Amino acid sequence: MLDKLRKYICKASNKILTILFWMCMAATLWIVFQVFCFTSFKIPTDSMQPALLPGDNIIVNKLAFGGRLFNLAAAAENKSVHIHRMPGFQKIKRNDVLVFNFPYPGRWDSIAFDVMKYYVKRCVALPGDTFSIVNARYYVKGCSDDLGNVESQKELLVLLKEGTHKEIYLKGYPHDSLFDWDIRNFGPLYVPAKGSIVIMNQINAILYKQLIEYEQNMKMTISGDTVFLNNHPLKWYRFRKNYYFMAGDKTRDSQDSRYWGLLPEEFIVGKATLIWKSVKPGTNKWEWERLLKSIE
């Protein structure tokens, strides 16, 4: 009788251990899938209307550009982290809709990595591009493609001409008295590519100060037309990273690169590809016409 009981307990223990093993394997595979392959985000605002609406739940493809590896515990404590990106099979293109960690969570003149704060915007300028806005319309030097939501850009221009834009904040990056840039006329702004070099005069120092301080983890100061990095004169600067200009499709109401500047490449989570479900905010009503809709 005792032997039978022992055999029963042994068999039961083996079954429990087997179940626990496969549960751990499934959890591990799910985490790996979330980190390196695909994940889901819910859209909270209308800044990407009409492509994305509040209540849309989107699939983000991390495989396209490569998943990221970083110290999650350190990031959660707002510590500085090194972000390593795995190889991807696509390059970011103009007009891609991207999910990214918002790079200016504390203040717009200082880049910081906030692992819990995500934005979704459309990429309208790539590393190496020269971007400008003329009469609210987006342009990249040498590119004839439409960039962003052209109809929304036209609507913004109409509002500005009619003077019915009192609720719209006009002043644009870099928020300095030497620049008269706003969301109607902006730039031209060179978007740095890794390895590119800019001369460090007063204008470029103002434009790229936050990027250089982020890359070097040093303070930059400007005295007249002389630029200092950590109290050493800086005549020119070679960028270590790629940057992007991001814009919301709802041009009159989107907190994007027109206001806060450029996005470092390692902050990009992935490409928004599909709306897998959509629930109207404040209700449990499904928006069935948006189910499994591709994001373009």
C-alpha atoms as a PDB file:
ATOM      1  CA  MET A   1       0.000   0.000   0.000  1.00  0.00           C
ATOM      2  CA  LEU A   2       2.820   2.377   0.909  1.00  0.00           C
ATOM      3  CA  ASP A   3       4.663   1.538  -2.341  1.00  0.00           C
ATOM      4  CA  LYS A   4       1.543   2.321  -4.378  1.00  0.00           C
ATOM      5  CA  LEU A   5       1.170   5.655  -2.598  1.00  0.00           C
ATOM      6  CA  ARG A   6       4.797   6.501  -3.299  1.00  0.00           C
ATOM      7  CA  LYS A   7       4.394   5.614  -6.972  1.00  0.00           C
ATOM      8  CA  TYR A   8       1.237   7.743  -7.178  1.00  0.00           C
ATOM      9  CA  ILE A   9       2.945  10.719  -5.537  1.00  0.00           C
ATOM     10  CA  CYS A  10       5.968  10.307  -7.845  1.00  0.00           C
ATOM     11  CA  LYS A  11       3.777  10.226 -10.960  1.00  0.00           C
ATOM     12  CA  ALA A  12       1.754  13.228  -9.793  1.00  0.00           C
ATOM     13  CA  SER A  13       4.939  15.156  -9.016  1.00  0.00           C
ATOM     14  CA  ASN A  14       6.342  14.385 -12.458  1.00  0.00           C
ATOM     15  CA  LYS A  15       3.139  15.599 -14.097  1.00  0.00           C
ATOM     16  CA  ILE A  16       3.143  18.800 -12.071  1.00  0.00           C
ATOM     17  CA  LEU A  17       6.800  19.439 -12.875  1.00  0.00           C
ATOM     18  CA  THR A  18       6.140  18.781 -16.576  1.00  0.00           C
ATOM     19  CA  ILE A  19       3.213  21.216 -16.563  1.00  0.00           C
ATOM     20  CA  LEU A  20       5.283  23.845 -14.739  1.00  0.00           C
ATOM     21  CA  PHE A  21       8.142  23.348 -17.205  1.00  0.00           C
ATOM     22  CA  TRP A  22       5.910  23.902 -20.230  1.00  0.00           C
ATOM     23  CA  MET A  23       4.211  26.865 -18.560  1.00  0.00           C
ATOM     24  CA  CYS A  24       7.640  28.437 -17.982  1.00  0.00           C
ATOM     25  CA  MET A  25       8.618  27.684 -21.572  1.00  0.00           C
ATOM     26  CA  ALA A  26       5.399  29.259 -22.851  1.00  0.00           C
ATOM     27  CA  ALA A  27       5.931  32.353 -20.671  1.00  0.00           C
ATOM     28  CA  THR A  28       9.535  32.646 -21.869  1.00  0.00           C
ATOM     29  CA  LEU A  29       8.522  32.305 -25.508  1.00  0.00           C
ATOM     30  CA  TRP A  30       5.799  34.929 -24.998  1.00  0.00           C
ATOM     31  CA  ILE A  31       8.301  37.357 -23.479  1.00  0.00           C
ATOM     32  CA  VAL A  32      10.774  36.717 -26.317  1.00  0.00           C
ATOM     33  CA  PHE A  33       7.948  37.211 -28.810  1.00  0.00           C
ATOM     34  CA  GLN A  34       6.983  40.525 -27.188  1.00  0.00           C
ATOM     35  CA  VAL A  35      10.576  41.791 -26.960  1.00  0.00           C
ATOM     36  CA  PHE A  36      11.861  40.788 -30.384  1.00  0.00           C
ATOM     37  CA  CYS A  37       8.883  40.179 -32.686  1.00  0.00           C
ATOM     38  CA  PHE A  38       5.523  41.878 -32.177  1.00  0.00           C
ATOM     39  CA  THR A  39       3.680  43.762 -29.473  1.00  0.00           C
ATOM     40  CA  SER A  40       0.416  45.648 -29.065  1.00  0.00           C
ATOM     41  CA  PHE A  41      -0.320  49.263 -28.149  1.00  0.00           C
ATOM     42  CA  LYS A  42      -3.571  51.128 -27.568  1.00  0.00           C
ATOM     43  CA  ILE A  43      -3.988  54.554 -29.189  1.00  0.00           C
ATOM     44  CA  PRO A  44      -5.028  57.142 -26.544  1.00  0.00           C
ATOM     45  CA  THR A  45      -5.382  60.348 -28.629  1.00  0.00           C
ATOM     46  CA  ASP A  46      -6.469  61.582 -32.049  1.00  0.00           C
ATOM     47  CA  SER A  47      -3.076  63.048 -33.087  1.00  0.00           C
ATOM     48  CA  MET A  48      -2.757  60.429 -35.869  1.00  0.00           C
ATOM     49  CA  GLN A  49      -6.318  60.854 -37.170  1.00  0.00           C
ATOM     50  CA  PRO A  50      -7.542  59.599 -39.621  1.00  0.00           C
ATOM     51  CA  ALA A  51      -4.965  56.796 -39.905  1.00  0.00           C
ATOM     52  CA  LEU A  52      -5.342  55.937 -36.212  1.00  0.00           C
ATOM     53  CA  LEU A  53      -8.198  56.781 -33.835  1.00  0.00           C
ATOM     54  CA  PRO A  54      -8.510  56.711 -30.039  1.00  0.00           C
ATOM     55  CA  GLY A  55      -9.395  53.170 -29.000  1.00  0.00           C
ATOM     56  CA  ASP A  56      -7.489  51.501 -31.832  1.00  0.00           C
ATOM     57  CA  ASN A  57      -5.297  48.618 -30.691  1.00  0.00           C
ATOM     58  CA  ILE A  58      -2.356  48.226 -33.036  1.00  0.00           C
ATOM     59  CA  ILE A  59       0.216  45.542 -33.773  1.00  0.00           C
ATOM     60  CA  VAL A  60       3.795  46.855 -33.789  1.00  0.00           C
ATOM     61  CA  ASN A  61       6.329  44.931 -35.851  1.00  0.00           C
ATOM     62  CA  LYS A  62       9.679  44.869 -34.025  1.00  0.00           C
ATOM     63  CA  LEU A  63      11.280  42.374 -36.399  1.00  0.00           C
ATOM     64  CA  ALA A  64      11.294  44.889 -39.255  1.00  0.00           C
ATOM     65  CA  PHE A  65      13.990  47.126 -37.767  1.00  0.00           C
ATOM     66  CA  GLY A  66      15.263  44.699 -35.101  1.00  0.00           C
ATOM     67  CA  GLY A  67      14.256  44.221 -31.481  1.00  0.00           C
ATOM     68  CA  ARG A  68      16.021  46.172 -28.726  1.00  0.00           C
ATOM     69  CA  LEU A  69      18.020  44.950 -25.749  1.00  0.00           C
ATOM     70  CA  PHE A  70      18.553  47.128 -22.676  1.00  0.00           C
ATOM     71  CA  ASN A  71      18.557  46.932 -18.893  1.00  0.00           C
ATOM     72  CA  LEU A  72      14.834  47.126 -18.158  1.00  0.00           C
ATOM     73  CA  ALA A  73      15.309  47.461 -14.393  1.00  0.00           C
ATOM     74  CA  ALA A  74      17.685  50.416 -14.822  1.00  0.00           C
ATOM     75  CA  ALA A  75      15.359  52.026 -17.372  1.00  0.00           C
ATOM     76  CA  ALA A  76      12.408  51.677 -14.977  1.00  0.00           C
ATOM     77  CA  GLU A  77      14.440  53.624 -12.407  1.00  0.00           C
ATOM     78  CA  ASN A  78      15.137  56.362 -14.995  1.00  0.00           C
ATOM     79  CA  LYS A  79      18.820  55.495 -15.086  1.00  0.00           C
ATOM     80  CA  SER A  80      20.947  55.899 -18.207  1.00  0.00           C
ATOM     81  CA  VAL A  81      20.898  52.706 -20.302  1.00  0.00           C
ATOM     82  CA  HIS A  82      22.696  51.468 -23.391  1.00  0.00           C
ATOM     83  CA  ILE A  83      20.225  50.308 -26.044  1.00  0.00           C
ATOM     84  CA  HIS A  84      21.411  47.593 -28.427  1.00  0.00           C
ATOM     85  CA  ARG A  85      19.345  46.847 -31.530  1.00  0.00           C
ATOM     86  CA  MET A  86      19.275  43.392 -33.092  1.00  0.00           C
ATOM     87  CA  PRO A  87      19.563  43.101 -36.888  1.00  0.00           C
ATOM     88  CA  GLY A  88      16.367  43.845 -38.812  1.00  0.00           C
ATOM     89  CA  PHE A  89      15.296  43.096 -42.371  1.00  0.00           C
ATOM     90  CA  GLN A  90      13.891  46.509 -43.345  1.00  0.00           C
ATOM     91  CA  LYS A  91      15.029  50.101 -43.327  1.00  0.00           C
ATOM     92  CA  ILE A  92      12.833  52.909 -42.057  1.00  0.00           C
ATOM     93  CA  LYS A  93      11.196  54.802 -44.916  1.00  0.00           C
ATOM     94  CA  ARG A  94       9.537  58.183 -45.158  1.00  0.00           C
ATOM     95  CA  ASN A  95       5.841  57.975 -44.234  1.00  0.00           C
ATOM     96  CA  ASP A  96       6.281  54.864 -42.070  1.00  0.00           C
ATOM     97  CA  VAL A  97       4.121  54.997 -38.939  1.00  0.00           C
ATOM     98  CA  LEU A  98       6.396  54.299 -35.968  1.00  0.00           C
ATOM     99  CA  VAL A  99       5.951  53.669 -32.260  1.00  0.00           C
ATOM    100  CA  PHE A 100       8.747  55.096 -30.125  1.00  0.00           C
ATOM    101  CA  ASN A 101       9.705  56.102 -26.603  1.00  0.00           C
ATOM    102  CA  PHE A 102       9.086  59.831 -26.275  1.00  0.00           C
ATOM    103  CA  PRO A 103      12.597  61.352 -26.064  1.00  0.00           C
ATOM    104  CA  TYR A 104      11.753  64.522 -24.102  1.00  0.00           C
ATOM    105  CA  PRO A 105       9.646  63.343 -21.124  1.00  0.00           C
ATOM    106  CA  GLY A 106      10.957  65.872 -18.614  1.00  0.00           C
ATOM    107  CA  ARG A 107      11.820  68.952 -20.678  1.00  0.00           C
ATOM    108  CA  TRP A 108      12.083  69.701 -24.380  1.00  0.00           C
ATOM    109  CA  ASP A 109      15.729  70.785 -24.231  1.00  0.00           C
ATOM    110  CA  SER A 110      17.036  67.504 -22.779  1.00  0.00           C
ATOM    111  CA  ILE A 111      16.765  63.985 -24.223  1.00  0.00           C
ATOM    112  CA  ALA A 112      15.919  61.187 -21.780  1.00  0.00           C
ATOM    113  CA  PHE A 113      14.738  57.593 -22.139  1.00  0.00           C
ATOM    114  CA  ASP A 114      11.339  56.925 -20.549  1.00  0.00           C
ATOM    115  CA  VAL A 115      10.544  53.240 -20.949  1.00  0.00           C
ATOM    116  CA  MET A 116       6.884  53.813 -20.002  1.00  0.00           C
ATOM    117  CA  LYS A 117       6.052  56.714 -22.321  1.00  0.00           C
ATOM    118  CA  TYR A 118       5.262  55.863 -25.943  1.00  0.00           C
ATOM    119  CA  TYR A 119       4.234  57.963 -28.924  1.00  0.00           C
ATOM    120  CA  VAL A 120       3.065  56.985 -32.380  1.00  0.00           C
ATOM    121  CA  LYS A 121       3.814  59.343 -35.282  1.00  0.00           C
ATOM    122  CA  ARG A 122       4.681  59.274 -38.959  1.00  0.00           C
ATOM    123  CA  CYS A 123       8.302  59.570 -40.058  1.00  0.00           C
ATOM    124  CA  VAL A 124       8.562  62.446 -42.555  1.00  0.00           C
ATOM    125  CA  ALA A 125      12.351  62.892 -42.706  1.00  0.00           C
ATOM    126  CA  LEU A 126      15.230  60.413 -42.519  1.00  0.00           C
ATOM    127  CA  PRO A 127      18.864  60.718 -41.411  1.00  0.00           C
ATOM    128  CA  GLY A 128      20.675  62.872 -43.958  1.00  0.00           C
ATOM    129  CA  ASP A 129      17.501  64.651 -45.133  1.00  0.00           C
ATOM    130  CA  THR A 130      17.043  68.413 -45.091  1.00  0.00           C
ATOM    131  CA  PHE A 131      13.494  69.048 -43.895  1.00  0.00           C
ATOM    132  CA  SER A 132      11.402  72.194 -44.156  1.00  0.00           C
ATOM    133  CA  ILE A 133       7.805  73.375 -43.809  1.00  0.00           C
ATOM    134  CA  VAL A 134       6.536  75.987 -46.252  1.00  0.00           C
ATOM    135  CA  ASN A 135       2.982  77.269 -45.780  1.00  0.00           C
ATOM    136  CA  ALA A 136       2.275  74.297 -43.478  1.00  0.00           C
ATOM    137  CA  ARG A 137       3.355  71.792 -46.179  1.00  0.00           C
ATOM    138  CA  TYR A 138       6.156  69.305 -45.477  1.00  0.00           C
ATOM    139  CA  TYR A 139       9.159  69.048 -47.802  1.00  0.00           C
ATOM    140  CA  VAL A 140      12.452  67.183 -47.980  1.00  0.00           C
ATOM    141  CA  LYS A 141      15.122  68.579 -50.273  1.00  0.00           C
ATOM    142  CA  GLY A 142      15.423  66.403 -53.390  1.00  0.00           C
ATOM    143  CA  CYS A 143      12.269  64.382 -52.598  1.00  0.00           C
ATOM    144  CA  SER A 144       9.058  64.875 -54.576  1.00  0.00           C
ATOM    145  CA  ASP A 145       6.891  62.488 -52.535  1.00  0.00           C
ATOM    146  CA  ASP A 146       3.958  63.690 -50.451  1.00  0.00           C
ATOM    147  CA  LEU A 147       4.977  63.629 -46.804  1.00  0.00           C
ATOM    148  CA  GLY A 148       2.536  63.094 -43.967  1.00  0.00           C
ATOM    149  CA  ASN A 149      -1.156  63.921 -44.250  1.00  0.00           C
ATOM    150  CA  VAL A 150      -1.205  66.517 -47.033  1.00  0.00           C
ATOM    151  CA  GLU A 151      -4.941  67.254 -46.655  1.00  0.00           C
ATOM    152  CA  SER A 152      -4.463  68.013 -42.970  1.00  0.00           C
ATOM    153  CA  GLN A 153      -1.553  70.313 -43.816  1.00  0.00           C
ATOM    154  CA  LYS A 154      -3.801  72.199 -46.239  1.00  0.00           C
ATOM    155  CA  GLU A 155      -6.515  72.481 -43.580  1.00  0.00           C
ATOM    156  CA  LEU A 156      -4.004  73.942 -41.124  1.00  0.00           C
ATOM    157  CA  LEU A 157      -2.958  76.572 -43.668  1.00  0.00           C
ATOM    158  CA  VAL A 158      -6.596  77.579 -44.156  1.00  0.00           C
ATOM    159  CA  LEU A 159      -7.046  77.951 -40.396  1.00  0.00           C
ATOM    160  CA  LEU A 160      -3.915  80.080 -40.159  1.00  0.00           C
ATOM    161  CA  LYS A 161      -5.038  82.332 -43.018  1.00  0.00           C
ATOM    162  CA  GLU A 162      -8.534  82.728 -41.593  1.00  0.00           C
ATOM    163  CA  GLY A 163      -7.175  83.521 -38.147  1.00  0.00           C
ATOM    164  CA  THR A 164      -9.301  80.788 -36.551  1.00  0.00           C
ATOM    165  CA  HIS A 165      -6.354  79.072 -34.897  1.00  0.00           C
ATOM    166  CA  LYS A 166      -6.389  80.613 -31.419  1.00  0.00           C
ATOM    167  CA  GLU A 167      -6.100  77.201 -29.737  1.00  0.00           C
ATOM    168  CA  ILE A 168      -3.114  76.159 -31.883  1.00  0.00           C
ATOM    169  CA  TYR A 169       0.390  76.715 -30.521  1.00  0.00           C
ATOM    170  CA  LEU A 170       2.425  78.147 -33.409  1.00  0.00           C
ATOM    171  CA  LYS A 171       5.982  78.559 -32.131  1.00  0.00           C
ATOM    172  CA  GLY A 172       8.272  75.786 -33.312  1.00  0.00           C
ATOM    173  CA  TYR A 173      11.557  74.150 -32.443  1.00  0.00           C
ATOM    174  CA  PRO A 174      14.210  75.208 -31.370  1.00  0.00           C
ATOM    175  CA  HIS A 175      12.310  77.853 -29.330  1.00  0.00           C
ATOM    176  CA  ASP A 176      15.108  80.423 -29.558  1.00  0.00           C
ATOM    177  CA  SER A 177      14.896  84.126 -30.372  1.00  0.00           C
ATOM    178  CA  LEU A 178      17.402  83.721 -33.227  1.00  0.00           C
ATOM    179  CA  PHE A 179      14.844  81.572 -35.069  1.00  0.00           C
ATOM    180  CA  ASP A 180      11.440  82.653 -36.318  1.00  0.00           C
ATOM    181  CA  TRP A 181      10.390  79.080 -37.091  1.00  0.00           C
ATOM    182  CA  ASP A 182       6.819  78.012 -36.437  1.00  0.00           C
ATOM    183  CA  ILE A 183       4.490  75.253 -37.632  1.00  0.00           C
ATOM    184  CA  ARG A 184       3.633  77.252 -40.758  1.00  0.00           C
ATOM    185  CA  ASN A 185       7.183  77.965 -41.917  1.00  0.00           C
ATOM    186  CA  PHE A 186       9.997  75.881 -40.477  1.00  0.00           C
ATOM    187  CA  GLY A 187      13.596  75.123 -41.383  1.00  0.00           C
ATOM    188  CA  PRO A 188      15.422  74.136 -43.415  1.00  0.00           C
ATOM    189  CA  LEU A 189      16.721  71.703 -40.807  1.00  0.00           C
ATOM    190  CA  TYR A 190      19.386  69.101 -41.559  1.00  0.00           C
ATOM    191  CA  VAL A 191      18.495  65.777 -39.903  1.00  0.00           C
ATOM    192  CA  PRO A 192      21.791  64.247 -38.710  1.00  0.00           C
ATOM    193  CA  ALA A 193      22.926  60.857 -39.926  1.00  0.00           C
ATOM    194  CA  LYS A 194      25.489  58.740 -38.113  1.00  0.00           C
ATOM    195  CA  GLY A 195      28.942  59.959 -39.127  1.00  0.00           C
ATOM    196  CA  SER A 196      27.779  63.257 -40.577  1.00  0.00           C
ATOM    197  CA  ILE A 197      29.687  66.415 -39.606  1.00  0.00           C
ATOM    198  CA  VAL A 198      28.392  69.921 -38.876  1.00  0.00           C
ATOM    199  CA  ILE A 199      30.376  73.084 -38.223  1.00  0.00           C
ATOM    200  CA  MET A 200      29.829  74.303 -34.680  1.00  0.00           C
ATOM    201  CA  ASN A 201      28.743  77.913 -35.092  1.00  0.00           C
ATOM    202  CA  GLN A 202      26.082  79.595 -32.986  1.00  0.00           C
ATOM    203  CA  ILE A 203      23.176  78.527 -35.226  1.00  0.00           C
ATOM    204  CA  ASN A 204      24.156  74.851 -35.383  1.00  0.00           C
ATOM    205  CA  ALA A 205      24.939  74.824 -31.682  1.00  0.00           C
ATOM    206  CA  ILE A 206      21.370  75.919 -30.914  1.00  0.00           C
ATOM    207  CA  LEU A 207      19.850  73.431 -33.365  1.00  0.00           C
ATOM    208  CA  TYR A 208      21.820  70.397 -32.210  1.00  0.00           C
ATOM    209  CA  LYS A 209      22.643  71.172 -28.588  1.00  0.00           C
ATOM    210  CA  GLN A 210      20.275  68.603 -27.101  1.00  0.00           C
ATOM    211  CA  LEU A 211      21.497  65.883 -29.495  1.00  0.00           C
ATOM    212  CA  ILE A 212      25.178  66.498 -28.757  1.00  0.00           C
ATOM    213  CA  GLU A 213      24.624  66.648 -25.003  1.00  0.00           C
ATOM    214  CA  TYR A 214      22.714  63.371 -25.234  1.00  0.00           C
ATOM    215  CA  GLU A 215      25.459  61.647 -27.229  1.00  0.00           C
ATOM    216  CA  GLN A 216      28.329  62.964 -25.126  1.00  0.00           C
ATOM    217  CA  ASN A 217      26.629  63.141 -21.721  1.00  0.00           C
ATOM    218  CA  MET A 218      28.289  66.538 -21.315  1.00  0.00           C
ATOM    219  CA  LYS A 219      27.020  70.099 -21.101  1.00  0.00           C
ATOM    220  CA  MET A 220      27.399  72.408 -24.076  1.00  0.00           C
ATOM    221  CA  THR A 221      27.583  76.193 -23.769  1.00  0.00           C
ATOM    222  CA  ILE A 222      27.617  79.015 -26.313  1.00  0.00           C
ATOM    223  CA  SER A 223      29.537  82.267 -25.947  1.00  0.00           C
ATOM    224  CA  GLY A 224      29.018  84.478 -28.984  1.00  0.00           C
ATOM    225  CA  ASP A 225      30.006  82.333 -31.935  1.00  0.00           C
ATOM    226  CA  THR A 226      32.243  80.046 -29.865  1.00  0.00           C
ATOM    227  CA  VAL A 227      30.846  76.712 -28.726  1.00  0.00           C
ATOM    228  CA  PHE A 228      32.160  74.801 -25.724  1.00  0.00           C
ATOM    229  CA  LEU A 229      31.622  71.144 -24.853  1.00  0.00           C
ATOM    230  CA  ASN A 230      32.506  70.475 -21.227  1.00  0.00           C
ATOM    231  CA  ASN A 231      34.440  73.790 -21.281  1.00  0.00           C
ATOM    232  CA  HIS A 232      36.513  72.753 -24.320  1.00  0.00           C
ATOM    233  CA  PRO A 233      36.117  74.716 -27.606  1.00  0.00           C
ATOM    234  CA  LEU A 234      34.214  72.771 -30.253  1.00  0.00           C
ATOM    235  CA  LYS A 235      34.868  73.668 -33.912  1.00  0.00           C
ATOM    236  CA  TRP A 236      32.891  70.841 -35.516  1.00  0.00           C
ATOM    237  CA  TYR A 237      30.952  67.775 -34.465  1.00  0.00           C
ATOM    238  CA  ARG A 238      30.557  64.264 -35.928  1.00  0.00           C
ATOM    239  CA  PHE A 239      27.245  62.628 -34.955  1.00  0.00           C
ATOM    240  CA  ARG A 240      27.282  59.149 -33.445  1.00  0.00           C
ATOM    241  CA  LYS A 241      23.638  58.308 -34.089  1.00  0.00           C
ATOM    242  CA  ASN A 242      20.846  58.561 -36.670  1.00  0.00           C
ATOM    243  CA  TYR A 243      17.885  60.880 -36.113  1.00  0.00           C
ATOM    244  CA  TYR A 244      14.373  61.234 -37.538  1.00  0.00           C
ATOM    245  CA  PHE A 245      11.714  63.936 -37.895  1.00  0.00           C
ATOM    246  CA  MET A 246       8.298  62.698 -36.729  1.00  0.00           C
ATOM    247  CA  ALA A 247       4.885  64.241 -37.394  1.00  0.00           C
ATOM    248  CA  GLY A 248       1.295  63.471 -36.468  1.00  0.00           C
ATOM    249  CA  ASP A 249      -1.325  63.163 -39.200  1.00  0.00           C
ATOM    250  CA  LYS A 250      -3.654  65.599 -37.407  1.00  0.00           C
ATOM    251  CA  THR A 251      -1.420  68.542 -38.226  1.00  0.00           C
ATOM    252  CA  ARG A 252      -3.215  71.182 -36.162  1.00  0.00           C
ATOM    253  CA  ASP A 253      -3.148  69.102 -32.979  1.00  0.00           C
ATOM    254  CA  SER A 254      -0.074  66.915 -32.637  1.00  0.00           C
ATOM    255  CA  GLN A 255       2.847  67.233 -30.244  1.00  0.00           C
ATOM    256  CA  ASP A 256       5.601  66.188 -32.637  1.00  0.00           C
ATOM    257  CA  SER A 257       9.056  67.087 -33.958  1.00  0.00           C
ATOM    258  CA  ARG A 258       7.830  70.524 -35.039  1.00  0.00           C
ATOM    259  CA  TYR A 259       7.791  71.372 -31.327  1.00  0.00           C
ATOM    260  CA  TRP A 260      10.302  69.111 -29.573  1.00  0.00           C
ATOM    261  CA  GLY A 261      12.908  68.313 -32.207  1.00  0.00           C
ATOM    262  CA  LEU A 262      14.498  65.115 -33.476  1.00  0.00           C
ATOM    263  CA  LEU A 263      14.100  61.464 -32.505  1.00  0.00           C
ATOM    264  CA  PRO A 264      17.164  59.249 -31.824  1.00  0.00           C
ATOM    265  CA  GLU A 265      17.019  55.961 -33.713  1.00  0.00           C
ATOM    266  CA  GLU A 266      17.409  53.720 -30.647  1.00  0.00           C
ATOM    267  CA  PHE A 267      14.170  55.135 -29.196  1.00  0.00           C
ATOM    268  CA  ILE A 268      12.157  53.538 -32.029  1.00  0.00           C
ATOM    269  CA  VAL A 269      10.198  50.454 -30.897  1.00  0.00           C
ATOM    270  CA  GLY A 270       8.932  49.318 -34.290  1.00  0.00           C
ATOM    271  CA  LYS A 271       6.587  49.834 -37.210  1.00  0.00           C
ATOM    272  CA  ALA A 272       2.817  50.093 -36.683  1.00  0.00           C
ATOM    273  CA  THR A 273       1.339  47.643 -39.176  1.00  0.00           C
ATOM    274  CA  LEU A 274      -2.194  46.563 -38.264  1.00  0.00           C
ATOM    275  CA  ILE A 275      -5.262  47.556 -36.238  1.00  0.00           C
ATOM    276  CA  TRP A 276      -6.259  44.257 -34.614  1.00  0.00           C
ATOM    277  CA  LYS A 277      -9.242  45.690 -32.754  1.00  0.00           C
ATOM    278  CA  SER A 278     -10.866  49.050 -32.095  1.00  0.00           C
ATOM    279  CA  VAL A 279     -13.226  49.991 -29.256  1.00  0.00           C
ATOM    280  CA  LYS A 280     -14.920  53.372 -29.138  1.00  0.00           C
ATOM    281  CA  PRO A 281     -13.644  55.311 -26.072  1.00  0.00           C
ATOM    282  CA  GLY A 282     -16.070  55.477 -23.166  1.00  0.00           C
ATOM    283  CA  THR A 283     -18.082  52.543 -24.462  1.00  0.00           C
ATOM    284  CA  ASN A 284     -17.688  48.819 -25.099  1.00  0.00           C
ATOM    285  CA  LYS A 285     -18.719  49.264 -28.707  1.00  0.00           C
ATOM    286  CA  TRP A 286     -16.416  47.616 -31.214  1.00  0.00           C
ATOM    287  CA  GLU A 287     -15.626  49.543 -34.396  1.00  0.00           C
ATOM    288  CA  TRP A 288     -15.947  46.520 -36.662  1.00  0.00           C
ATOM    289  CA  GLU A 289     -15.041  48.404 -39.841  1.00  0.00           C
ATOM    290  CA  ARG A 290     -11.550  49.010 -38.397  1.00  0.00           C
ATOM    291  CA  LEU A 291     -10.960  45.367 -37.482  1.00  0.00           C
ATOM    292  CA  LEU A 292      -7.715  44.004 -39.081  1.00  0.00           C
ATOM    293  CA  LYS A 293      -7.205  47.231 -41.006  1.00  0.00           C
ATOM    294  CA  SER A 294      -3.696  47.828 -42.376  1.00  0.00           C
ATOM    295  CA  ILE A 295      -1.947  51.008 -41.246  1.00  0.00           C
ATOM    296  CA  GLU A 296      -0.768  53.155 -44.135  1.00  0.00           C
END
